[in-house]
Amino acid sequence: MLTGKQRRFLRALGTGIDPVIQIGKGGIGDTLVQQLDEALEARELVKIRVINNAPLEPREIAEQLAEATNSELVQVIGRNLLYYRRSLKKPSIELPS
């Protein structure tokens, strides 16, 4: 569980990155979960964009993906989602305590 200070820190880092994954009419599938899982392991902080024709609302998608990938949902702004999960192999983001 992230503290408020850690969330603010991650949100600040997230403003400078582009969305890596886009969710469209296909919704959430096994391949999408696997893509997010791999991206989180490689980058730790991942931004996702939900396209207008997605079958669910961005907040619903955000919660389902966080649970499926065992990651922290940092923020939802409009149709952009920001996730964090510490890398097991090469952690690169040092969170404030």
PDB file of N, CA and C in Angstrom:
ATOM      1  N   MET A   1       0.836  -1.183   0.000  1.00  0.00           N
ATOM      2  CA  MET A   1       0.000   0.000   0.000  1.00  0.00           C
ATOM      3  C   MET A   1       0.883   1.250   0.000  1.00  0.00           C
ATOM      4  N   LEU A   2       0.571   2.169  -0.873  1.00  0.00           N
ATOM      5  CA  LEU A   2       1.361   3.388  -1.004  1.00  0.00           C
ATOM      6  C   LEU A   2       0.840   4.475  -0.074  1.00  0.00           C
ATOM      7  N   THR A   3       1.765   5.266   0.456  1.00  0.00           N
ATOM      8  CA  THR A   3       1.381   6.412   1.269  1.00  0.00           C
ATOM      9  C   THR A   3       1.052   7.587   0.343  1.00  0.00           C
ATOM     10  N   GLY A   4       0.485   8.628   0.903  1.00  0.00           N
ATOM     11  CA  GLY A   4       0.158   9.813   0.110  1.00  0.00           C
ATOM     12  C   GLY A   4       1.397  10.454  -0.506  1.00  0.00           C
ATOM     13  N   LYS A   5       2.470  10.478   0.272  1.00  0.00           N
ATOM     14  CA  LYS A   5       3.728  11.060  -0.205  1.00  0.00           C
ATOM     15  C   LYS A   5       4.286  10.251  -1.385  1.00  0.00           C
ATOM     16  N   GLN A   6       4.201   8.932  -1.292  1.00  0.00           N
ATOM     17  CA  GLN A   6       4.695   8.073  -2.369  1.00  0.00           C
ATOM     18  C   GLN A   6       3.833   8.229  -3.616  1.00  0.00           C
ATOM     19  N   ARG A   7       2.508   8.337  -3.446  1.00  0.00           N
ATOM     20  CA  ARG A   7       1.612   8.550  -4.589  1.00  0.00           C
ATOM     21  C   ARG A   7       1.928   9.859  -5.302  1.00  0.00           C
ATOM     22  N   ARG A   8       2.145  10.924  -4.529  1.00  0.00           N
ATOM     23  CA  ARG A   8       2.491  12.216  -5.135  1.00  0.00           C
ATOM     24  C   ARG A   8       3.795  12.118  -5.926  1.00  0.00           C
ATOM     25  N   PHE A   9       4.767  11.424  -5.350  1.00  0.00           N
ATOM     26  CA  PHE A   9       6.051  11.232  -6.016  1.00  0.00           C
ATOM     27  C   PHE A   9       5.870  10.496  -7.344  1.00  0.00           C
ATOM     28  N   LEU A  10       5.078   9.414  -7.327  1.00  0.00           N
ATOM     29  CA  LEU A  10       4.845   8.622  -8.543  1.00  0.00           C
ATOM     30  C   LEU A  10       4.025   9.396  -9.574  1.00  0.00           C
ATOM     31  N   ARG A  11       3.052  10.173  -9.116  1.00  0.00           N
ATOM     32  CA  ARG A  11       2.262  10.998 -10.050  1.00  0.00           C
ATOM     33  C   ARG A  11       3.159  12.002 -10.761  1.00  0.00           C
ATOM     34  N   ALA A  12       4.092  12.582 -10.024  1.00  0.00           N
ATOM     35  CA  ALA A  12       5.033  13.536 -10.618  1.00  0.00           C
ATOM     36  C   ALA A  12       5.898  12.849 -11.674  1.00  0.00           C
ATOM     37  N   LEU A  13       6.363  11.638 -11.380  1.00  0.00           N
ATOM     38  CA  LEU A  13       7.148  10.889 -12.364  1.00  0.00           C
ATOM     39  C   LEU A  13       6.292  10.518 -13.581  1.00  0.00           C
ATOM     40  N   GLY A  14       5.024  10.229 -13.341  1.00  0.00           N
ATOM     41  CA  GLY A  14       4.128   9.780 -14.399  1.00  0.00           C
ATOM     42  C   GLY A  14       3.755  10.844 -15.405  1.00  0.00           C
ATOM     43  N   THR A  15       3.905  12.114 -15.052  1.00  0.00           N
ATOM     44  CA  THR A  15       3.527  13.173 -15.992  1.00  0.00           C
ATOM     45  C   THR A  15       4.443  13.192 -17.214  1.00  0.00           C
ATOM     46  N   GLY A  16       5.655  12.716 -17.067  1.00  0.00           N
ATOM     47  CA  GLY A  16       6.606  12.772 -18.167  1.00  0.00           C
ATOM     48  C   GLY A  16       6.625  11.553 -19.069  1.00  0.00           C
ATOM     49  N   ILE A  17       5.813  10.545 -18.784  1.00  0.00           N
ATOM     50  CA  ILE A  17       5.857   9.336 -19.619  1.00  0.00           C
ATOM     51  C   ILE A  17       4.620   9.246 -20.508  1.00  0.00           C
ATOM     52  N   ASP A  18       4.775   8.589 -21.629  1.00  0.00           N
ATOM     53  CA  ASP A  18       3.675   8.376 -22.573  1.00  0.00           C
ATOM     54  C   ASP A  18       3.008   7.035 -22.287  1.00  0.00           C
ATOM     55  N   PRO A  19       1.728   6.900 -22.665  1.00  0.00           N
ATOM     56  CA  PRO A  19       1.050   5.610 -22.491  1.00  0.00           C
ATOM     57  C   PRO A  19       1.738   4.499 -23.273  1.00  0.00           C
ATOM     58  N   VAL A  20       1.930   3.367 -22.630  1.00  0.00           N
ATOM     59  CA  VAL A  20       2.595   2.227 -23.237  1.00  0.00           C
ATOM     60  C   VAL A  20       1.568   1.273 -23.846  1.00  0.00           C
ATOM     61  N   ILE A  21       0.404   1.190 -23.216  1.00  0.00           N
ATOM     62  CA  ILE A  21      -0.645   0.258 -23.639  1.00  0.00           C
ATOM     63  C   ILE A  21      -1.931   1.036 -23.854  1.00  0.00           C
ATOM     64  N   GLN A  22      -2.693   0.636 -24.885  1.00  0.00           N
ATOM     65  CA  GLN A  22      -4.007   1.212 -25.119  1.00  0.00           C
ATOM     66  C   GLN A  22      -5.053   0.112 -25.024  1.00  0.00           C
ATOM     67  N   ILE A  23      -6.161   0.426 -24.359  1.00  0.00           N
ATOM     68  CA  ILE A  23      -7.253  -0.526 -24.213  1.00  0.00           C
ATOM     69  C   ILE A  23      -8.412  -0.035 -25.067  1.00  0.00           C
ATOM     70  N   GLY A  24      -8.843  -0.879 -26.004  1.00  0.00           N
ATOM     71  CA  GLY A  24      -9.937  -0.509 -26.901  1.00  0.00           C
ATOM     72  C   GLY A  24     -11.133  -1.403 -26.742  1.00  0.00           C
ATOM     73  N   LYS A  25     -11.786  -1.684 -27.869  1.00  0.00           N
ATOM     74  CA  LYS A  25     -13.033  -2.445 -27.815  1.00  0.00           C
ATOM     75  C   LYS A  25     -12.844  -3.888 -27.360  1.00  0.00           C
ATOM     76  N   GLY A  26     -11.619  -4.406 -27.421  1.00  0.00           N
ATOM     77  CA  GLY A  26     -11.347  -5.763 -26.960  1.00  0.00           C
ATOM     78  C   GLY A  26     -11.420  -5.898 -25.450  1.00  0.00           C
ATOM     79  N   GLY A  27     -11.302  -4.786 -24.738  1.00  0.00           N
ATOM     80  CA  GLY A  27     -11.384  -4.820 -23.282  1.00  0.00           C
ATOM     81  C   GLY A  27     -10.168  -5.490 -22.651  1.00  0.00           C
ATOM     82  N   ILE A  28     -10.399  -6.110 -21.508  1.00  0.00           N
ATOM     83  CA  ILE A  28      -9.325  -6.759 -20.754  1.00  0.00           C
ATOM     84  C   ILE A  28      -9.286  -8.231 -21.117  1.00  0.00           C
ATOM     85  N   GLY A  29      -8.149  -8.658 -21.668  1.00  0.00           N
ATOM     86  CA  GLY A  29      -7.960 -10.068 -21.990  1.00  0.00           C
ATOM     87  C   GLY A  29      -6.672 -10.573 -21.354  1.00  0.00           C
ATOM     88  N   ASP A  30      -6.422 -11.845 -21.539  1.00  0.00           N
ATOM     89  CA  ASP A  30      -5.205 -12.439 -20.967  1.00  0.00           C
ATOM     90  C   ASP A  30      -3.941 -11.807 -21.530  1.00  0.00           C
ATOM     91  N   THR A  31      -3.941 -11.503 -22.838  1.00  0.00           N
ATOM     92  CA  THR A  31      -2.746 -10.914 -23.444  1.00  0.00           C
ATOM     93  C   THR A  31      -2.502  -9.504 -22.915  1.00  0.00           C
ATOM     94  N   LEU A  32      -3.566  -8.759 -22.675  1.00  0.00           N
ATOM     95  CA  LEU A  32      -3.412  -7.411 -22.140  1.00  0.00           C
ATOM     96  C   LEU A  32      -2.834  -7.457 -20.725  1.00  0.00           C
ATOM     97  N   VAL A  33      -3.333  -8.375 -19.911  1.00  0.00           N
ATOM     98  CA  VAL A  33      -2.817  -8.535 -18.549  1.00  0.00           C
ATOM     99  C   VAL A  33      -1.350  -8.936 -18.588  1.00  0.00           C
ATOM    100  N   GLN A  34      -1.005  -9.827 -19.508  1.00  0.00           N
ATOM    101  CA  GLN A  34       0.385 -10.259 -19.639  1.00  0.00           C
ATOM    102  C   GLN A  34       1.275  -9.101 -20.103  1.00  0.00           C
ATOM    103  N   GLN A  35       0.796  -8.294 -21.044  1.00  0.00           N
ATOM    104  CA  GLN A  35       1.559  -7.135 -21.504  1.00  0.00           C
ATOM    105  C   GLN A  35       1.824  -6.166 -20.356  1.00  0.00           C
ATOM    106  N   LEU A  36       0.790  -5.885 -19.578  1.00  0.00           N
ATOM    107  CA  LEU A  36       0.951  -4.968 -18.451  1.00  0.00           C
ATOM    108  C   LEU A  36       1.904  -5.549 -17.417  1.00  0.00           C
ATOM    109  N   ASP A  37       1.798  -6.836 -17.162  1.00  0.00           N
ATOM    110  CA  ASP A  37       2.678  -7.502 -16.206  1.00  0.00           C
ATOM    111  C   ASP A  37       4.141  -7.367 -16.632  1.00  0.00           C
ATOM    112  N   GLU A  38       4.413  -7.603 -17.909  1.00  0.00           N
ATOM    113  CA  GLU A  38       5.782  -7.487 -18.431  1.00  0.00           C
ATOM    114  C   GLU A  38       6.267  -6.042 -18.401  1.00  0.00           C
ATOM    115  N   ALA A  39       5.386  -5.104 -18.743  1.00  0.00           N
ATOM    116  CA  ALA A  39       5.768  -3.689 -18.743  1.00  0.00           C
ATOM    117  C   ALA A  39       6.077  -3.216 -17.323  1.00  0.00           C
ATOM    118  N   LEU A  40       5.301  -3.668 -16.349  1.00  0.00           N
ATOM    119  CA  LEU A  40       5.554  -3.294 -14.962  1.00  0.00           C
ATOM    120  C   LEU A  40       6.879  -3.854 -14.465  1.00  0.00           C
ATOM    121  N   GLU A  41       7.211  -5.066 -14.866  1.00  0.00           N
ATOM    122  CA  GLU A  41       8.488  -5.660 -14.457  1.00  0.00           C
ATOM    123  C   GLU A  41       9.655  -4.890 -15.067  1.00  0.00           C
ATOM    124  N   ALA A  42       9.499  -4.446 -16.304  1.00  0.00           N
ATOM    125  CA  ALA A  42      10.581  -3.744 -16.995  1.00  0.00           C
ATOM    126  C   ALA A  42      10.705  -2.282 -16.554  1.00  0.00           C
ATOM    127  N   ARG A  43       9.557  -1.602 -16.323  1.00  0.00           N
ATOM    128  CA  ARG A  43       9.586  -0.160 -16.084  1.00  0.00           C
ATOM    129  C   ARG A  43       9.175   0.282 -14.690  1.00  0.00           C
ATOM    130  N   GLU A  44       8.436  -0.518 -13.994  1.00  0.00           N
ATOM    131  CA  GLU A  44       7.885  -0.240 -12.668  1.00  0.00           C
ATOM    132  C   GLU A  44       6.725   0.762 -12.682  1.00  0.00           C
ATOM    133  N   LEU A  45       6.775   1.782 -13.510  1.00  0.00           N
ATOM    134  CA  LEU A  45       5.713   2.787 -13.602  1.00  0.00           C
ATOM    135  C   LEU A  45       5.198   2.787 -15.030  1.00  0.00           C
ATOM    136  N   VAL A  46       3.907   2.479 -15.203  1.00  0.00           N
ATOM    137  CA  VAL A  46       3.342   2.312 -16.548  1.00  0.00           C
ATOM    138  C   VAL A  46       2.063   3.124 -16.663  1.00  0.00           C
ATOM    139  N   LYS A  47       1.953   3.830 -17.797  1.00  0.00           N
ATOM    140  CA  LYS A  47       0.741   4.588 -18.081  1.00  0.00           C
ATOM    141  C   LYS A  47      -0.035   3.880 -19.182  1.00  0.00           C
ATOM    142  N   ILE A  48      -1.362   3.829 -19.018  1.00  0.00           N
ATOM    143  CA  ILE A  48      -2.255   3.168 -19.970  1.00  0.00           C
ATOM    144  C   ILE A  48      -3.327   4.160 -20.390  1.00  0.00           C
ATOM    145  N   ARG A  49      -3.718   4.111 -21.648  1.00  0.00           N
ATOM    146  CA  ARG A  49      -4.817   4.942 -22.141  1.00  0.00           C
ATOM    147  C   ARG A  49      -5.995   4.049 -22.496  1.00  0.00           C
ATOM    148  N   VAL A  50      -7.181   4.440 -22.051  1.00  0.00           N
ATOM    149  CA  VAL A  50      -8.415   3.727 -22.374  1.00  0.00           C
ATOM    150  C   VAL A  50      -9.096   4.488 -23.505  1.00  0.00           C
ATOM    151  N   ILE A  51      -9.283   3.809 -24.650  1.00  0.00           N
ATOM    152  CA  ILE A  51      -9.912   4.422 -25.822  1.00  0.00           C
ATOM    153  C   ILE A  51     -11.419   4.533 -25.592  1.00  0.00           C
ATOM    154  N   ASN A  52     -12.062   5.465 -26.285  1.00  0.00           N
ATOM    155  CA  ASN A  52     -13.497   5.726 -26.106  1.00  0.00           C
ATOM    156  C   ASN A  52     -14.389   4.509 -26.321  1.00  0.00           C
ATOM    157  N   ASN A  53     -13.998   3.602 -27.212  1.00  0.00           N
ATOM    158  CA  ASN A  53     -14.872   2.462 -27.520  1.00  0.00           C
ATOM    159  C   ASN A  53     -14.624   1.254 -26.612  1.00  0.00           C
ATOM    160  N   ALA A  54     -13.938   1.439 -25.502  1.00  0.00           N
ATOM    161  CA  ALA A  54     -13.712   0.341 -24.541  1.00  0.00           C
ATOM    162  C   ALA A  54     -15.047  -0.050 -23.909  1.00  0.00           C
ATOM    163  N   PRO A  55     -15.234  -1.350 -23.628  1.00  0.00           N
ATOM    164  CA  PRO A  55     -16.521  -1.826 -23.115  1.00  0.00           C
ATOM    165  C   PRO A  55     -16.844  -1.395 -21.680  1.00  0.00           C
ATOM    166  N   LEU A  56     -15.830  -1.039 -20.893  1.00  0.00           N
ATOM    167  CA  LEU A  56     -16.034  -0.639 -19.497  1.00  0.00           C
ATOM    168  C   LEU A  56     -15.533   0.782 -19.278  1.00  0.00           C
ATOM    169  N   GLU A  57     -15.947   1.363 -18.172  1.00  0.00           N
ATOM    170  CA  GLU A  57     -15.467   2.683 -17.794  1.00  0.00           C
ATOM    171  C   GLU A  57     -14.020   2.585 -17.307  1.00  0.00           C
ATOM    172  N   PRO A  58     -13.229   3.652 -17.469  1.00  0.00           N
ATOM    173  CA  PRO A  58     -11.822   3.610 -17.064  1.00  0.00           C
ATOM    174  C   PRO A  58     -11.600   3.190 -15.609  1.00  0.00           C
ATOM    175  N   ARG A  59     -12.453   3.626 -14.685  1.00  0.00           N
ATOM    176  CA  ARG A  59     -12.282   3.281 -13.273  1.00  0.00           C
ATOM    177  C   ARG A  59     -12.452   1.780 -13.051  1.00  0.00           C
ATOM    178  N   GLU A  60     -13.429   1.165 -13.737  1.00  0.00           N
ATOM    179  CA  GLU A  60     -13.650  -0.279 -13.614  1.00  0.00           C
ATOM    180  C   GLU A  60     -12.458  -1.055 -14.171  1.00  0.00           C
ATOM    181  N   ILE A  61     -11.980  -0.630 -15.331  1.00  0.00           N
ATOM    182  CA  ILE A  61     -10.820  -1.273 -15.952  1.00  0.00           C
ATOM    183  C   ILE A  61      -9.609  -1.144 -15.037  1.00  0.00           C
ATOM    184  N   ALA A  62      -9.418   0.041 -14.468  1.00  0.00           N
ATOM    185  CA  ALA A  62      -8.269   0.296 -13.592  1.00  0.00           C
ATOM    186  C   ALA A  62      -8.236  -0.662 -12.413  1.00  0.00           C
ATOM    187  N   GLU A  63      -9.373  -0.830 -11.766  1.00  0.00           N
ATOM    188  CA  GLU A  63      -9.424  -1.702 -10.597  1.00  0.00           C
ATOM    189  C   GLU A  63      -9.199  -3.167 -10.966  1.00  0.00           C
ATOM    190  N   GLN A  64      -9.772  -3.599 -12.078  1.00  0.00           N
ATOM    191  CA  GLN A  64      -9.607  -4.990 -12.511  1.00  0.00           C
ATOM    192  C   GLN A  64      -8.152  -5.291 -12.866  1.00  0.00           C
ATOM    193  N   LEU A  65      -7.503  -4.367 -13.571  1.00  0.00           N
ATOM    194  CA  LEU A  65      -6.109  -4.583 -13.960  1.00  0.00           C
ATOM    195  C   LEU A  65      -5.175  -4.557 -12.748  1.00  0.00           C
ATOM    196  N   ALA A  66      -5.442  -3.682 -11.794  1.00  0.00           N
ATOM    197  CA  ALA A  66      -4.602  -3.631 -10.595  1.00  0.00           C
ATOM    198  C   ALA A  66      -4.678  -4.955  -9.844  1.00  0.00           C
ATOM    199  N   GLU A  67      -5.872  -5.514  -9.770  1.00  0.00           N
ATOM    200  CA  GLU A  67      -6.032  -6.798  -9.082  1.00  0.00           C
ATOM    201  C   GLU A  67      -5.384  -7.938  -9.869  1.00  0.00           C
ATOM    202  N   ALA A  68      -5.542  -7.918 -11.190  1.00  0.00           N
ATOM    203  CA  ALA A  68      -5.010  -8.996 -12.026  1.00  0.00           C
ATOM    204  C   ALA A  68      -3.485  -9.013 -12.056  1.00  0.00           C
ATOM    205  N   THR A  69      -2.845  -7.848 -11.940  1.00  0.00           N
ATOM    206  CA  THR A  69      -1.390  -7.772 -12.035  1.00  0.00           C
ATOM    207  C   THR A  69      -0.717  -7.585 -10.678  1.00  0.00           C
ATOM    208  N   ASN A  70      -1.520  -7.526  -9.611  1.00  0.00           N
ATOM    209  CA  ASN A  70      -0.986  -7.328  -8.271  1.00  0.00           C
ATOM    210  C   ASN A  70      -0.143  -6.046  -8.202  1.00  0.00           C
ATOM    211  N   SER A  71      -0.679  -4.973  -8.789  1.00  0.00           N
ATOM    212  CA  SER A  71       0.025  -3.697  -8.823  1.00  0.00           C
ATOM    213  C   SER A  71      -0.793  -2.639  -8.095  1.00  0.00           C
ATOM    214  N   GLU A  72      -0.198  -1.483  -7.913  1.00  0.00           N
ATOM    215  CA  GLU A  72      -0.863  -0.355  -7.255  1.00  0.00           C
ATOM    216  C   GLU A  72      -1.375   0.608  -8.310  1.00  0.00           C
ATOM    217  N   LEU A  73      -2.639   0.952  -8.227  1.00  0.00           N
ATOM    218  CA  LEU A  73      -3.205   1.984  -9.085  1.00  0.00           C
ATOM    219  C   LEU A  73      -2.832   3.320  -8.458  1.00  0.00           C
ATOM    220  N   VAL A  74      -1.990   4.085  -9.151  1.00  0.00           N
ATOM    221  CA  VAL A  74      -1.514   5.351  -8.608  1.00  0.00           C
ATOM    222  C   VAL A  74      -2.551   6.440  -8.842  1.00  0.00           C
ATOM    223  N   GLN A  75      -3.086   6.513 -10.082  1.00  0.00           N
ATOM    224  CA  GLN A  75      -4.083   7.531 -10.356  1.00  0.00           C
ATOM    225  C   GLN A  75      -4.854   7.228 -11.620  1.00  0.00           C
ATOM    226  N   VAL A  76      -6.055   7.786 -11.679  1.00  0.00           N
ATOM    227  CA  VAL A  76      -6.895   7.746 -12.873  1.00  0.00           C
ATOM    228  C   VAL A  76      -7.256   9.190 -13.187  1.00  0.00           C
ATOM    229  N   ILE A  77      -6.828   9.657 -14.347  1.00  0.00           N
ATOM    230  CA  ILE A  77      -7.198  10.997 -14.797  1.00  0.00           C
ATOM    231  C   ILE A  77      -7.858  10.843 -16.159  1.00  0.00           C
ATOM    232  N   GLY A  78      -9.145  11.105 -16.211  1.00  0.00           N
ATOM    233  CA  GLY A  78      -9.882  10.959 -17.466  1.00  0.00           C
ATOM    234  C   GLY A  78      -9.806   9.523 -17.942  1.00  0.00           C
ATOM    235  N   ARG A  79      -9.118   9.307 -19.042  1.00  0.00           N
ATOM    236  CA  ARG A  79      -8.980   7.981 -19.619  1.00  0.00           C
ATOM    237  C   ARG A  79      -7.551   7.451 -19.509  1.00  0.00           C
ATOM    238  N   ASN A  80      -6.730   8.100 -18.700  1.00  0.00           N
ATOM    239  CA  ASN A  80      -5.352   7.661 -18.472  1.00  0.00           C
ATOM    240  C   ASN A  80      -5.222   7.018 -17.095  1.00  0.00           C
ATOM    241  N   LEU A  81      -4.555   5.868 -17.065  1.00  0.00           N
ATOM    242  CA  LEU A  81      -4.353   5.112 -15.825  1.00  0.00           C
ATOM    243  C   LEU A  81      -2.856   5.009 -15.570  1.00  0.00           C
ATOM    244  N   LEU A  82      -2.464   5.116 -14.318  1.00  0.00           N
ATOM    245  CA  LEU A  82      -1.055   5.023 -13.952  1.00  0.00           C
ATOM    246  C   LEU A  82      -0.888   3.933 -12.896  1.00  0.00           C
ATOM    247  N   TYR A  83       0.001   2.973 -13.181  1.00  0.00           N
ATOM    248  CA  TYR A  83       0.238   1.822 -12.303  1.00  0.00           C
ATOM    249  C   TYR A  83       1.684   1.776 -11.852  1.00  0.00           C
ATOM    250  N   TYR A  84       1.878   1.239 -10.636  1.00  0.00           N
ATOM    251  CA  TYR A  84       3.222   1.029 -10.111  1.00  0.00           C
ATOM    252  C   TYR A  84       3.318  -0.359  -9.495  1.00  0.00           C
ATOM    253  N   ARG A  85       4.427  -1.008  -9.757  1.00  0.00           N
ATOM    254  CA  ARG A  85       4.770  -2.246  -9.060  1.00  0.00           C
ATOM    255  C   ARG A  85       6.289  -2.353  -9.044  1.00  0.00           C
ATOM    256  N   ARG A  86       6.846  -2.579  -7.881  1.00  0.00           N
ATOM    257  CA  ARG A  86       8.301  -2.688  -7.746  1.00  0.00           C
ATOM    258  C   ARG A  86       8.804  -3.899  -8.515  1.00  0.00           C
ATOM    259  N   SER A  87       9.861  -3.709  -9.277  1.00  0.00           N
ATOM    260  CA  SER A  87      10.466  -4.783 -10.057  1.00  0.00           C
ATOM    261  C   SER A  87      11.197  -5.749  -9.138  1.00  0.00           C
ATOM    262  N   LEU A  88      11.042  -7.016  -9.420  1.00  0.00           N
ATOM    263  CA  LEU A  88      11.731  -8.033  -8.626  1.00  0.00           C
ATOM    264  C   LEU A  88      13.186  -8.180  -9.042  1.00  0.00           C
ATOM    265  N   LYS A  89      13.469  -7.977 -10.333  1.00  0.00           N
ATOM    266  CA  LYS A  89      14.823  -8.185 -10.855  1.00  0.00           C
ATOM    267  C   LYS A  89      15.696  -6.944 -10.737  1.00  0.00           C
ATOM    268  N   LYS A  90      15.190  -5.795 -11.243  1.00  0.00           N
ATOM    269  CA  LYS A  90      15.991  -4.570 -11.244  1.00  0.00           C
ATOM    270  C   LYS A  90      15.152  -3.376 -10.791  1.00  0.00           C
ATOM    271  N   PRO A  91      14.972  -3.185  -9.482  1.00  0.00           N
ATOM    272  CA  PRO A  91      14.217  -2.008  -9.032  1.00  0.00           C
ATOM    273  C   PRO A  91      14.972  -0.724  -9.363  1.00  0.00           C
ATOM    274  N   SER A  92      14.290   0.246  -9.952  1.00  0.00           N
ATOM    275  CA  SER A  92      14.952   1.477 -10.342  1.00  0.00           C
ATOM    276  C   SER A  92      14.351   2.709  -9.689  1.00  0.00           C
ATOM    277  N   ILE A  93      13.109   2.653  -9.226  1.00  0.00           N
ATOM    278  CA  ILE A  93      12.463   3.802  -8.599  1.00  0.00           C
ATOM    279  C   ILE A  93      12.587   3.653  -7.091  1.00  0.00           C
ATOM    280  N   GLU A  94      13.184   4.662  -6.472  1.00  0.00           N
ATOM    281  CA  GLU A  94      13.335   4.675  -5.019  1.00  0.00           C
ATOM    282  C   GLU A  94      12.240   5.560  -4.429  1.00  0.00           C
ATOM    283  N   LEU A  95      11.276   4.932  -3.751  1.00  0.00           N
ATOM    284  CA  LEU A  95      10.154   5.677  -3.180  1.00  0.00           C
ATOM    285  C   LEU A  95      10.576   6.387  -1.904  1.00  0.00           C
ATOM    286  N   PRO A  96      10.010   7.604  -1.676  1.00  0.00           N
ATOM    287  CA  PRO A  96      10.275   8.268  -0.396  1.00  0.00           C
ATOM    288  C   PRO A  96       9.594   7.522   0.746  1.00  0.00           C
ATOM    289  N   SER A  97      10.164   7.602   1.925  1.00  0.00           N
ATOM    290  CA  SER A  97       9.580   6.859   3.053  1.00  0.00           C
ATOM    291  C   SER A  97       8.529   7.663   3.796  1.00  0.00           C
TER     292      SER A  97
END
